[in-house]
Each structure stands twice: as structure tokens, then as C-alpha cells.
């Protein structure tokens, strides 16, 4: 029999043991929805950017059908297992999501909204994932057209050059209906390093891409002016480039375009002048639509026009340094 003081000690010991024993919590987990790695995907537009992007989707295991107006462009992809569609209509009819990577607004309008185009052939509930750089007005037309057909438009313009497209390192700005964007998520992750969500309206992604291109254009103009200034004082351009990228401007745009300006490697084309001018006109149109003055952008556009006039339209945009050099009496 325990005496009262022994009983009290035993109760205290038991209470101490209970306090020191960790409580086991039971957690209830919801299973994540299965990832659809074999989605039926169509890809239209197999240029320098589209080639790498489409290959990323193919390598991710998706059932990929491809189309380009120049059938030879599809050869590397069909050799790797993609299926070549004989028409946009047949490609869209087979697809849950159709990706377009096209340059001109007139082309995307015809391919998407023209007779036997994507809208006419895509099943109800399917998605048009438009990844080229297009104007606000055209994106609004695409959005309205697909909604009328019971489809969804997701805008996802990309940030980067062809080498980044091939390695899945693009930045991607995406906007559109929430559920449609979620369905595109695995595709975007296959193609991009970083995904930026811009909102529920596809034009929001377009506005960000155009604004980003405007800032990049102004940076190239500023670099060209800086190189012209130091050259007039007999400074080696590489020294100025090193000062920029090792100091305040340690960003990819300055490292890539600045070095191309130093090297004069304008025929190693990532983004050509004529595409830059197309985008500059889209930026100006968006600014006009929103009543936003952009005087710095106007200088960039004028330099692009000058490059075209001097026969450099197919060269890399880094050739803007040559335009500034001409204006400065260096060439």
C-alpha cells in the first residue's frame, strides 16, 4: 500500500511523464490532381523560337502535333517523334491546347480567326495559348473570338532569345481565365524558368511584354550612346562594357547586347531589327490606345528605322550601336 506522500510523488511523476511525451497529431492530406504529361498539344510556328519551345514540349512526353507554313521547318521535330499536321484545322481538331508562336499580327489573326483556322476547328473548352508578341487590339479580338466559340484564350508571351527557348530557360508572362491558365501550367513549366502571372485578362500579359520590350529598347539605345561617347575619347569599348556589367548594370540585357556591340557580332542574330521594329510599332500603338506618352521609346523606334534604311534590318538589334556611331561621326 502506498502512503499518502508516496502516492503524491507517483502522481507528480506521472504528470511530468505526460508533459514530456510528444503528442501525435493526425494530419489529413488531399491528393494533388494527377499531372497530365501526355496532353494533346498542337504547335503552330516553328521559327527560331518555336523550334526550341516545341521540342521542350515533345521531350516532356506530350502528344505533339506541329504545323508551319514551311513544312521543312518541322523536320527536326518529326524526326524526334512529333506528328506533322497537314493543316491548322486538322491540328486544332486533335488538340486540347494549341500553342502559337508567330511574329506578325496579320498572321495570327488569319491562323486563329480565319476560315478553317484555330477557332473554327478547336473543340469547345479547349485553349489557344498564344505565346508570340502581339498588339493589344489583336489580343482583344482573339479573346472575344474564342469566347464566342466556347474556347479560352491564354496569352503567354515569352522573354528571352532562341538559346533560352531551346534550354527551357525563358521567362513567361501569362494571363487569362484562371482555370485555363492552370491547365497550361505544365506546358509553361516545360518551356520556362520563371512564370509571371499577370491577371485574368490576356491583354495584361501583352501589356507587360510590350512594356518590357520598350525598356529593353531604351537600354540598347543608351548603351549605344555610351559606347559612342567613350570611343570619341579613344577609350576601348571593352573597358566601358566591363565597367557597366561589373558595376550598376550587371543584368543579362547589358551583358549580352553590350558585348555584341563591343564585338560587332551583328550577324549572330537573336532578335533581328525588323522584329524589333514590329514590336516598337505595337508598343507605340498600345501607348496611343492608353494615352501614354513614351518619348524615350520614340528614340528607339527612330534608331530601328535608321537601321532598316541602312540595310541592317536582318541583323541583330545590337547593330543599333552602328546607328549611333553613324550619328556621332564615327562611321
Protein backbone atom coordinates (compact mmCIF):
# COMPACT_ATOMS: atom_id res chain seq x y z
CA UNK A 1 0.00 0.00 0.00
CA UNK A 2 1.28 3.50 -0.92
CA UNK A 3 1.44 6.08 1.83
CA UNK A 4 -0.04 9.50 1.06
CA UNK A 5 3.34 11.12 0.42
CA UNK A 6 4.38 8.22 -1.86
CA UNK A 7 1.05 8.47 -3.71
CA UNK A 8 1.56 12.20 -4.27
CA UNK A 9 5.06 11.60 -5.61
CA UNK A 10 3.77 8.97 -8.05
CA UNK A 11 1.09 11.32 -9.40
CA UNK A 12 3.64 14.08 -9.85
CA UNK A 13 5.95 11.70 -11.73
CA UNK A 14 3.08 10.59 -14.00
CA UNK A 15 2.12 14.20 -14.76
CA UNK A 16 5.73 15.02 -15.60
CA UNK A 17 5.95 11.99 -17.93
CA UNK A 18 2.74 13.04 -19.75
CA UNK A 19 4.01 16.61 -20.17
CA UNK A 20 7.28 15.40 -21.69
CA UNK A 21 5.69 12.92 -24.07
CA UNK A 22 5.11 14.47 -27.54
CA UNK A 23 1.54 14.45 -28.74
CA UNK A 24 0.91 12.72 -32.05
CA UNK A 25 -1.16 14.79 -34.46
CA UNK A 26 -3.06 13.15 -37.28
CA UNK A 27 -2.89 15.18 -40.50
CA UNK A 28 -5.34 14.69 -43.34
CA UNK A 29 -3.89 15.27 -46.80
CA UNK A 30 -5.69 15.84 -50.06
CA UNK A 31 -4.13 14.11 -53.01
CA UNK A 32 -2.88 16.53 -55.65
CA UNK A 33 -4.62 16.16 -59.01
CA UNK A 34 -2.65 13.97 -61.40
CA UNK A 35 -0.28 15.80 -63.75
CA UNK A 36 -1.25 15.34 -67.37
CA UNK A 37 2.10 14.66 -69.01
CA UNK A 38 0.59 13.30 -72.22
CA UNK A 39 -1.68 16.20 -73.10
CA UNK A 40 -2.70 16.51 -76.75
CA UNK A 41 -0.90 19.66 -77.86
CA UNK A 42 -0.71 21.42 -81.20
CA UNK A 43 2.11 23.85 -82.01
CA UNK A 44 1.95 26.38 -84.86
CA UNK A 45 5.01 28.43 -85.82
CA UNK A 46 8.40 26.70 -85.92
CA UNK A 47 10.81 29.58 -86.34
CA UNK A 48 13.90 30.24 -84.24
CA UNK A 49 11.92 30.45 -81.01
CA UNK A 50 9.19 27.94 -81.85
CA UNK A 51 11.63 25.14 -82.66
CA UNK A 52 13.12 25.11 -79.18
CA UNK A 53 9.81 25.59 -77.40
CA UNK A 54 8.09 22.79 -79.30
CA UNK A 55 11.00 20.43 -78.63
CA UNK A 56 10.69 21.10 -74.91
CA UNK A 57 7.04 20.02 -75.04
CA UNK A 58 7.89 16.92 -77.03
CA UNK A 59 10.65 15.96 -74.60
CA UNK A 60 8.19 16.38 -71.72
CA UNK A 61 6.16 13.49 -73.16
CA UNK A 62 3.20 15.32 -74.67
CA UNK A 63 1.35 14.07 -77.75
CA UNK A 64 2.59 16.84 -80.06
CA UNK A 65 1.28 17.79 -83.50
CA UNK A 66 3.10 20.58 -85.32
CA UNK A 67 2.45 22.86 -88.28
CA UNK A 68 4.40 25.52 -90.12
CA UNK A 69 3.72 27.11 -93.50
CA UNK A 70 7.19 25.85 -94.48
CA UNK A 71 6.89 22.11 -93.88
CA UNK A 72 10.68 21.66 -93.82
CA UNK A 73 10.74 23.59 -90.54
CA UNK A 74 9.03 20.64 -88.88
CA UNK A 75 11.66 18.07 -89.94
CA UNK A 76 13.78 18.12 -86.74
CA UNK A 77 10.66 17.70 -84.61
CA UNK A 78 9.06 14.94 -86.67
CA UNK A 79 12.38 13.11 -86.61
CA UNK A 80 12.18 13.26 -82.80
CA UNK A 81 8.62 11.90 -82.67
CA UNK A 82 6.23 14.79 -83.30
CA UNK A 83 3.40 14.40 -85.83
CA UNK A 84 3.16 16.79 -88.79
CA UNK A 85 -0.35 18.11 -89.33
CA UNK A 86 -1.38 18.78 -92.93
CA UNK A 87 -3.31 21.89 -91.91
CA UNK A 88 -4.06 24.19 -88.99
CA UNK A 89 -7.62 22.88 -88.98
CA UNK A 90 -6.57 19.26 -88.51
CA UNK A 91 -4.02 20.20 -85.87
CA UNK A 92 -6.56 22.20 -83.87
CA UNK A 93 -9.23 19.49 -84.12
CA UNK A 94 -6.85 17.00 -82.47
CA UNK A 95 -5.70 19.30 -79.67
CA UNK A 96 -6.65 20.19 -76.12
CA UNK A 97 -4.30 23.16 -76.27
CA UNK A 98 -2.93 24.86 -79.37
CA UNK A 99 0.24 26.89 -78.90
CA UNK A 100 1.04 29.60 -81.44
CA UNK A 101 4.45 31.24 -81.77
CA UNK A 102 4.01 33.61 -84.69
CA UNK A 103 5.52 37.01 -85.47
CA UNK A 104 3.01 39.19 -87.27
CA UNK A 105 -0.43 40.29 -86.06
CA UNK A 106 -1.91 39.69 -89.51
CA UNK A 107 -0.65 36.10 -89.43
CA UNK A 108 -2.05 35.26 -86.00
CA UNK A 109 -5.39 36.82 -86.94
CA UNK A 110 -5.64 34.70 -90.08
CA UNK A 111 -4.43 31.49 -88.43
CA UNK A 112 -6.71 31.87 -85.41
CA UNK A 113 -9.81 33.62 -86.73
CA UNK A 114 -9.76 32.92 -90.48
CA UNK A 115 -11.76 30.22 -92.23
CA UNK A 116 -10.73 26.73 -91.06
CA UNK A 117 -8.49 28.35 -88.51
CA UNK A 118 -7.97 27.56 -84.84
CA UNK A 119 -11.29 29.00 -83.66
CA UNK A 120 -13.29 27.09 -86.28
CA UNK A 121 -11.58 23.78 -85.54
CA UNK A 122 -10.67 23.74 -81.84
CA UNK A 123 -13.11 21.76 -79.64
CA UNK A 124 -15.28 23.63 -77.15
CA UNK A 125 -13.50 24.03 -73.83
CA UNK A 126 -10.07 23.84 -75.47
CA UNK A 127 -7.42 26.54 -75.18
CA UNK A 128 -5.45 28.73 -77.56
CA UNK A 129 -2.14 29.53 -75.85
CA UNK A 130 -0.74 32.50 -77.76
CA UNK A 131 2.96 32.98 -76.99
CA UNK A 132 4.13 35.42 -79.64
CA UNK A 133 4.37 39.16 -79.11
CA UNK A 134 1.22 40.77 -80.48
CA UNK A 135 -0.67 44.03 -80.23
CA UNK A 136 -3.30 44.76 -77.60
CA UNK A 137 -6.04 45.21 -80.21
CA UNK A 138 -5.35 41.83 -81.81
CA UNK A 139 -5.23 40.03 -78.46
CA UNK A 140 -8.61 41.55 -77.60
CA UNK A 141 -10.00 40.27 -80.92
CA UNK A 142 -8.62 36.78 -80.29
CA UNK A 143 -10.07 36.74 -76.78
CA UNK A 144 -13.53 37.75 -77.99
CA UNK A 145 -13.44 35.27 -80.88
CA UNK A 146 -12.51 32.30 -78.72
CA UNK A 147 -15.01 33.17 -76.01
CA UNK A 148 -17.79 33.29 -78.60
CA UNK A 149 -16.75 29.79 -79.73
CA UNK A 150 -16.76 28.40 -76.18
CA UNK A 151 -12.96 28.25 -76.04
CA UNK A 152 -10.39 30.10 -73.93
CA UNK A 153 -7.52 32.37 -74.86
CA UNK A 154 -4.43 32.43 -72.65
CA UNK A 155 -1.71 34.94 -73.54
CA UNK A 156 1.80 33.89 -72.51
CA UNK A 157 4.41 35.98 -74.35
CA UNK A 158 7.99 34.94 -73.69
CA UNK A 159 11.10 36.78 -72.52
CA UNK A 160 14.35 35.50 -73.99
CA UNK A 161 16.29 34.54 -77.07
CA UNK A 162 16.38 31.26 -79.07
CA UNK A 163 19.15 29.72 -76.95
CA UNK A 164 17.00 30.11 -73.84
CA UNK A 165 13.98 28.66 -75.65
CA UNK A 166 15.98 25.54 -76.50
CA UNK A 167 17.02 25.00 -72.88
CA UNK A 168 13.69 25.82 -71.22
CA UNK A 169 15.06 28.96 -69.59
CA UNK A 170 12.56 31.51 -70.91
CA UNK A 171 10.67 33.94 -68.76
CA UNK A 172 6.94 33.67 -69.49
CA UNK A 173 4.25 36.23 -68.64
CA UNK A 174 0.83 34.55 -68.53
CA UNK A 175 -2.69 35.91 -68.23
CA UNK A 176 -6.16 34.59 -68.91
CA UNK A 177 -9.07 32.77 -67.23
CA UNK A 178 -7.85 31.12 -64.04
CA UNK A 179 -8.83 27.54 -64.91
CA UNK A 180 -7.40 27.82 -68.42
CA UNK A 181 -4.11 29.17 -67.08
CA UNK A 182 -3.96 26.28 -64.60
CA UNK A 183 -4.41 23.75 -67.45
CA UNK A 184 -1.45 25.34 -69.26
CA UNK A 185 0.80 25.25 -66.21
CA UNK A 186 2.73 22.06 -67.05
CA UNK A 187 3.37 23.25 -70.60
CA UNK A 188 4.66 26.60 -69.38
CA UNK A 189 6.94 24.95 -66.84
CA UNK A 190 8.41 22.78 -69.60
CA UNK A 191 9.31 25.87 -71.61
CA UNK A 192 10.16 28.43 -68.94
CA UNK A 193 12.45 29.06 -66.00
CA UNK A 194 10.13 31.61 -64.37
CA UNK A 195 6.40 32.10 -64.84
CA UNK A 196 4.91 35.54 -64.08
CA UNK A 197 1.14 35.60 -63.57
CA UNK A 198 -0.32 38.89 -64.83
CA UNK A 199 -4.06 38.53 -64.22
CA UNK A 200 -7.32 37.29 -65.72
CA UNK A 201 -7.30 39.33 -68.95
CA UNK A 202 -4.98 38.10 -71.71
CA UNK A 203 -4.15 41.68 -72.68
CA UNK A 204 -2.48 42.16 -69.28
CA UNK A 205 0.32 39.78 -70.28
CA UNK A 206 0.58 41.59 -73.61
CA UNK A 207 0.95 44.96 -71.87
CA UNK A 208 3.77 43.63 -69.67
CA UNK A 209 5.62 42.13 -72.64
CA UNK A 210 5.36 45.34 -74.66
CA UNK A 211 6.47 47.47 -71.71
CA UNK A 212 9.41 45.13 -71.10
CA UNK A 213 10.46 45.38 -74.74
CA UNK A 214 10.22 49.16 -74.57
CA UNK A 215 12.55 49.26 -71.56
CA UNK A 216 14.98 46.89 -73.30
CA UNK A 217 14.95 49.04 -76.42
CA UNK A 218 15.76 52.15 -74.40
CA UNK A 219 18.59 50.26 -72.69
CA UNK A 220 20.10 49.35 -76.07
CA UNK A 221 19.88 52.97 -77.24
CA UNK A 222 21.54 54.15 -74.01
CA UNK A 223 24.33 51.57 -74.35
CA UNK A 224 24.94 52.62 -77.96
CA UNK A 225 25.18 56.26 -76.90
CA UNK A 226 27.62 55.36 -74.11
CA UNK A 227 29.86 53.38 -76.46
CA UNK A 228 29.87 56.26 -78.97
CA UNK A 229 30.83 58.73 -76.27
CA UNK A 230 33.81 56.74 -74.95
CA UNK A 231 35.00 55.96 -78.48
CA UNK A 232 35.18 59.68 -79.19
CA UNK A 233 37.66 59.89 -76.31
CA UNK A 234 39.73 56.97 -77.66
CA UNK A 235 38.57 54.56 -74.96
CA UNK A 236 38.41 50.87 -75.82
CA UNK A 237 34.71 49.85 -75.80
CA UNK A 238 35.50 46.67 -73.84
CA UNK A 239 36.66 48.76 -70.90
CA UNK A 240 33.34 50.60 -70.79
CA UNK A 241 31.48 47.28 -71.12
CA UNK A 242 33.38 45.84 -68.15
CA UNK A 243 32.62 48.93 -66.07
CA UNK A 244 28.90 48.62 -66.85
CA UNK A 245 28.42 44.92 -66.17
CA UNK A 246 30.70 44.82 -63.13
CA UNK A 247 29.02 47.87 -61.64
CA UNK A 248 25.47 49.19 -61.81
CA UNK A 249 24.33 47.20 -64.85
CA UNK A 250 25.05 43.54 -64.08
CA UNK A 251 21.97 42.35 -65.95
CA UNK A 252 21.56 39.98 -68.88
CA UNK A 253 20.50 42.71 -71.32
CA UNK A 254 23.68 44.69 -70.72
CA UNK A 255 25.89 41.62 -70.70
CA UNK A 256 24.50 40.17 -73.93
CA UNK A 257 23.72 43.22 -76.04
CA UNK A 258 26.60 45.26 -74.70
CA UNK A 259 29.12 42.55 -75.56
CA UNK A 260 27.64 42.14 -79.03
CA UNK A 261 28.08 45.88 -79.54
CA UNK A 262 31.73 45.59 -78.48
CA UNK A 263 32.37 42.56 -80.69
CA UNK A 264 30.35 43.81 -83.63
CA UNK A 265 28.75 40.36 -83.88
CA UNK A 266 25.60 41.70 -85.50
CA UNK A 267 25.18 38.73 -87.83
CA UNK A 268 24.79 36.34 -84.89
CA UNK A 269 21.10 37.10 -84.73
CA UNK A 270 18.90 36.55 -81.72
CA UNK A 271 16.32 39.28 -82.19
CA UNK A 272 16.60 40.99 -85.59
CA UNK A 273 15.99 44.67 -86.29
CA UNK A 274 12.84 44.03 -88.34
CA UNK A 275 11.23 42.14 -85.42
CA UNK A 276 12.27 44.92 -83.05
CA UNK A 277 10.61 47.46 -85.35
CA UNK A 278 7.44 45.36 -85.49
CA UNK A 279 7.35 45.29 -81.69
CA UNK A 280 8.18 49.00 -81.46
CA UNK A 281 5.14 49.77 -83.59
CA UNK A 282 2.99 47.56 -81.33
CA UNK A 283 4.32 49.44 -78.30
CA UNK A 284 3.52 52.78 -79.90
CA UNK A 285 0.00 51.59 -80.73
CA UNK A 286 -0.57 50.37 -77.17
CA UNK A 287 0.69 53.70 -75.82
CA UNK A 288 -1.64 55.58 -78.19
CA UNK A 289 -4.58 53.41 -77.12
CA UNK A 290 -3.86 54.08 -73.44
CA UNK A 291 -2.83 57.74 -73.97
CA UNK A 292 0.66 57.19 -72.51
CA UNK A 293 3.47 59.43 -73.86
CA UNK A 294 6.72 57.47 -74.38
CA UNK A 295 9.39 59.88 -75.69
CA UNK A 296 12.30 57.53 -74.94
CA UNK A 297 10.60 54.79 -76.89
CA UNK A 298 10.25 57.12 -79.86
CA UNK A 299 14.05 57.45 -79.98
CA UNK A 300 14.42 53.66 -80.01
CA UNK A 301 11.91 53.34 -82.86
CA UNK A 302 13.71 56.03 -84.88
CA UNK A 303 17.02 54.17 -84.46
CA UNK A 304 15.35 50.96 -85.72
CA UNK A 305 14.03 52.81 -88.76
CA UNK A 306 17.51 54.13 -89.44
CA UNK A 307 18.97 50.62 -89.24
CA UNK A 308 16.43 49.35 -91.77
CA UNK A 309 17.20 52.29 -94.07
CA UNK A 310 20.91 51.42 -93.90
CA UNK A 311 20.28 47.80 -94.88
CA UNK A 312 20.63 46.25 -91.41
CA UNK A 313 17.06 45.02 -90.99
CA UNK A 314 18.05 41.34 -90.75
CA UNK A 315 20.90 41.92 -88.30
CA UNK A 316 20.72 41.65 -84.52
CA UNK A 317 19.34 44.65 -82.65
CA UNK A 318 22.78 45.25 -81.19
CA UNK A 319 23.52 46.89 -84.57
CA UNK A 320 21.83 49.96 -83.11
CA UNK A 321 25.30 50.83 -81.86
CA UNK A 322 26.29 51.28 -85.52
CA UNK A 323 23.38 53.69 -85.98
CA UNK A 324 24.59 55.76 -83.05
CA UNK A 325 28.16 55.61 -84.34
CA UNK A 326 26.98 56.98 -87.68
CA UNK A 327 25.13 59.80 -85.94
CA UNK A 328 28.28 60.56 -83.92
CA UNK A 329 30.59 60.76 -86.93
CA UNK A 330 32.41 57.56 -86.07
CA UNK A 331 31.36 55.68 -89.23
